[in-house]
Protein backbone atom coordinates (compact mmCIF):
# COMPACT_ATOMS: atom_id res chain seq x y z
CA UNK A 1 21.20 3.23 55.15
CA UNK A 2 19.60 5.07 52.21
CA UNK A 3 18.04 8.44 52.63
CA UNK A 4 14.20 8.56 52.54
CA UNK A 5 14.23 10.97 49.57
CA UNK A 6 16.20 8.54 47.39
CA UNK A 7 13.87 5.67 48.31
CA UNK A 8 10.85 7.85 47.55
CA UNK A 9 12.25 8.77 44.11
CA UNK A 10 12.92 5.12 43.29
CA UNK A 11 9.41 4.19 44.41
CA UNK A 12 7.89 6.95 42.28
CA UNK A 13 9.95 5.86 39.29
CA UNK A 14 8.80 2.26 39.73
CA UNK A 15 5.21 3.47 40.04
CA UNK A 16 5.37 5.53 36.83
CA UNK A 17 7.03 2.70 34.95
CA UNK A 18 4.29 0.28 36.02
CA UNK A 19 1.64 2.77 34.92
CA UNK A 20 3.16 2.74 31.44
CA UNK A 21 4.06 -0.94 31.22
CA UNK A 22 0.87 -2.57 32.51
CA UNK A 23 -1.52 -1.23 29.84
CA UNK A 24 0.94 -2.14 27.08
CA UNK A 25 1.38 -5.61 28.55
CA UNK A 26 -2.38 -5.98 28.78
CA UNK A 27 -2.85 -5.00 25.12
CA UNK A 28 -0.14 -7.38 23.95
CA UNK A 29 -1.51 -10.30 25.97
CA UNK A 30 -5.03 -9.58 24.76
CA UNK A 31 -3.78 -9.59 21.18
CA UNK A 32 -1.93 -12.88 21.60
CA UNK A 33 -4.63 -14.78 23.50
CA UNK A 34 -7.70 -13.68 21.56
CA UNK A 35 -8.87 -16.47 19.27
CA UNK A 36 -9.84 -15.26 15.83
CA UNK A 37 -10.88 -16.55 12.46
CA UNK A 38 -8.70 -13.99 10.73
CA UNK A 39 -6.26 -14.87 7.99
CA UNK A 40 -2.58 -14.84 8.90
CA UNK A 41 -0.62 -11.61 8.96
CA UNK A 42 2.20 -9.81 10.71
CA UNK A 43 1.88 -9.12 14.43
CA UNK A 44 0.43 -5.62 14.93
CA UNK A 45 1.94 -3.11 17.33
CA UNK A 46 -0.39 -1.63 19.94
CA UNK A 47 -2.20 1.50 18.73
CA UNK A 48 -0.37 1.89 15.38
CA UNK A 49 -0.95 -1.68 14.15
CA UNK A 50 0.92 -2.63 10.98
CA UNK A 51 1.35 0.87 9.57
CA UNK A 52 5.13 0.54 9.85
CA UNK A 53 5.00 -2.58 7.64
CA UNK A 54 3.49 -0.58 4.77
CA UNK A 55 6.40 1.75 3.97
CA UNK A 56 6.42 4.33 1.16
CA UNK A 57 5.18 1.95 -1.53
CA UNK A 58 2.23 0.00 -0.11
CA UNK A 59 1.71 -2.09 -3.26
CA UNK A 60 5.26 -3.48 -2.97
CA UNK A 61 4.87 -4.02 0.78
CA UNK A 62 1.58 -5.87 0.26
CA UNK A 63 3.17 -8.07 -2.43
CA UNK A 64 6.00 -8.90 -0.03
CA UNK A 65 3.51 -9.72 2.73
CA UNK A 66 1.52 -11.90 0.31
CA UNK A 67 4.64 -13.94 -0.42
CA UNK A 68 5.19 -14.43 3.30
CA UNK A 69 1.60 -15.01 4.51
CA UNK A 70 -0.37 -16.16 1.47
CA UNK A 71 -3.03 -14.59 -0.76
CA UNK A 72 -5.28 -13.52 2.13
CA UNK A 73 -3.66 -11.27 4.77
CA UNK A 74 -5.06 -9.53 7.84
CA UNK A 75 -3.54 -6.21 8.86
CA UNK A 76 -4.31 -3.57 11.44
CA UNK A 77 -3.92 -0.03 10.14
CA UNK A 78 -4.13 1.89 13.37
CA UNK A 79 -7.08 0.32 15.12
CA UNK A 80 -8.90 -0.58 11.88
CA UNK A 81 -8.81 -4.23 10.81
CA UNK A 82 -8.13 -4.69 7.10
CA UNK A 83 -8.23 -7.99 5.21
CA UNK A 84 -6.29 -7.89 1.94
CA UNK A 85 -6.90 -10.30 -0.92
CA UNK A 86 -3.85 -10.33 -3.17
CA UNK A 87 -4.73 -12.97 -5.74
CA UNK A 88 -7.44 -13.20 -8.37
CA UNK A 89 -9.16 -16.06 -6.55
CA UNK A 90 -9.13 -14.19 -3.23
CA UNK A 91 -10.42 -10.99 -4.84
CA UNK A 92 -13.20 -12.90 -6.60
CA UNK A 93 -14.16 -14.56 -3.34
CA UNK A 94 -14.26 -11.24 -1.51
CA UNK A 95 -15.94 -9.10 -4.18
CA UNK A 96 -18.44 -11.56 -5.66
CA UNK A 97 -19.20 -14.34 -3.21
CA UNK A 98 -19.14 -12.47 0.10
CA UNK A 99 -19.72 -8.87 -1.01
CA UNK A 100 -22.75 -8.24 1.21
CA UNK A 101 -21.11 -9.69 4.32
CA UNK A 102 -17.76 -7.99 3.80
CA UNK A 103 -19.12 -4.57 2.90
CA UNK A 104 -18.89 -3.39 6.49
CA UNK A 105 -18.70 0.32 6.02
CA UNK A 106 -16.77 2.39 8.52
CA UNK A 107 -18.67 5.57 9.24
CA UNK A 108 -16.51 8.00 11.26
CA UNK A 109 -17.79 8.86 14.73
CA UNK A 110 -17.98 12.54 13.81
CA UNK A 111 -20.67 12.02 11.17
CA UNK A 112 -23.63 11.15 13.48
CA UNK A 113 -23.25 14.57 15.15
CA UNK A 114 -25.64 15.90 12.48
CA UNK A 115 -28.12 13.01 12.23
CA UNK A 116 -30.63 14.98 10.16
CA UNK A 117 -28.07 15.28 7.33
CA UNK A 118 -26.78 11.70 7.19
CA UNK A 119 -29.39 10.70 4.60
CA UNK A 120 -28.16 13.42 2.23
CA UNK A 121 -24.97 11.57 1.31
CA UNK A 122 -24.54 7.96 0.31
CA UNK A 123 -20.98 8.07 1.63
CA UNK A 124 -22.05 8.27 5.28
CA UNK A 125 -24.99 5.87 5.40
CA UNK A 126 -24.37 2.68 7.37
CA UNK A 127 -24.55 -0.65 5.56
CA UNK A 128 -28.31 -0.98 5.75
CA UNK A 129 -31.20 -1.59 3.39
CA UNK A 130 -31.21 2.12 2.52
CA UNK A 131 -27.52 2.00 1.53
CA UNK A 132 -28.04 -1.17 -0.53
CA UNK A 133 -30.96 0.48 -2.32
CA UNK A 134 -28.92 3.63 -3.04
CA UNK A 135 -25.98 1.56 -4.28
CA UNK A 136 -28.24 -0.40 -6.63
CA UNK A 137 -29.88 2.81 -7.83
CA UNK A 138 -26.50 4.41 -8.60
CA UNK A 139 -25.25 1.32 -10.40
CA UNK A 140 -28.32 0.97 -12.61
CA UNK A 141 -29.28 4.62 -13.20
CA UNK A 142 -26.14 6.73 -12.85
CA UNK A 143 -23.25 4.48 -13.82
CA UNK A 144 -24.79 2.23 -16.46
CA UNK A 145 -23.41 2.35 -20.00
CA UNK A 146 -26.61 4.01 -21.24
CA UNK A 147 -26.48 6.76 -18.59
CA UNK A 148 -22.81 7.48 -19.23
CA UNK A 149 -23.35 7.62 -23.00
CA UNK A 150 -26.28 10.02 -22.57
CA UNK A 151 -24.02 12.46 -20.70
CA UNK A 152 -21.28 12.47 -23.37
CA UNK A 153 -22.37 15.84 -24.81
CA UNK A 154 -22.26 17.47 -21.37
CA UNK A 155 -18.78 16.07 -20.73
CA UNK A 156 -17.58 17.31 -24.12
CA UNK A 157 -19.02 20.77 -23.47
CA UNK A 158 -17.39 21.01 -20.03
CA UNK A 159 -14.08 19.74 -21.43
CA UNK A 160 -14.13 22.44 -24.11
CA UNK A 161 -14.95 25.10 -21.49
CA UNK A 162 -12.04 23.91 -19.38
CA UNK A 163 -9.68 23.97 -22.37
CA UNK A 164 -10.76 27.53 -23.20
CA UNK A 165 -10.25 28.56 -19.59
CA UNK A 166 -6.66 27.27 -19.57
CA UNK A 167 -5.73 28.66 -23.00
């Protein structure tokens, strides 16, 4: 007959193992059974997603994945879902046809801590009418060919100052 201490240790070990295994099993089953309209892609690992598939040279890894899964690929980078268009037709579809729908902007959870300062930066505004207005304003007033040409003298002056500083 086994000693009670040995049985207790085995029971504790089984308990700890189940505490680790059950959440992982739940995540994997949830991932497999959830129906989605996502494009094909490699199976993501829990928590880290497909980060290991990217490697040191992501452009080469994405080209390899495009050969395996097609021009439209879905990846999970950590917990963030990313859809990659790797052909001209897919990029045109994403950037021109569905740009408003697919411009879901990810604002980090830390940013709303200072809600009175969110409106000061276009980078942290959610995809709303305000953000669309600011984007249109920047495109037409700040980044148009006329606006860039009008700032040429300032750029030249600052370039000369920088060259003098380094020489």
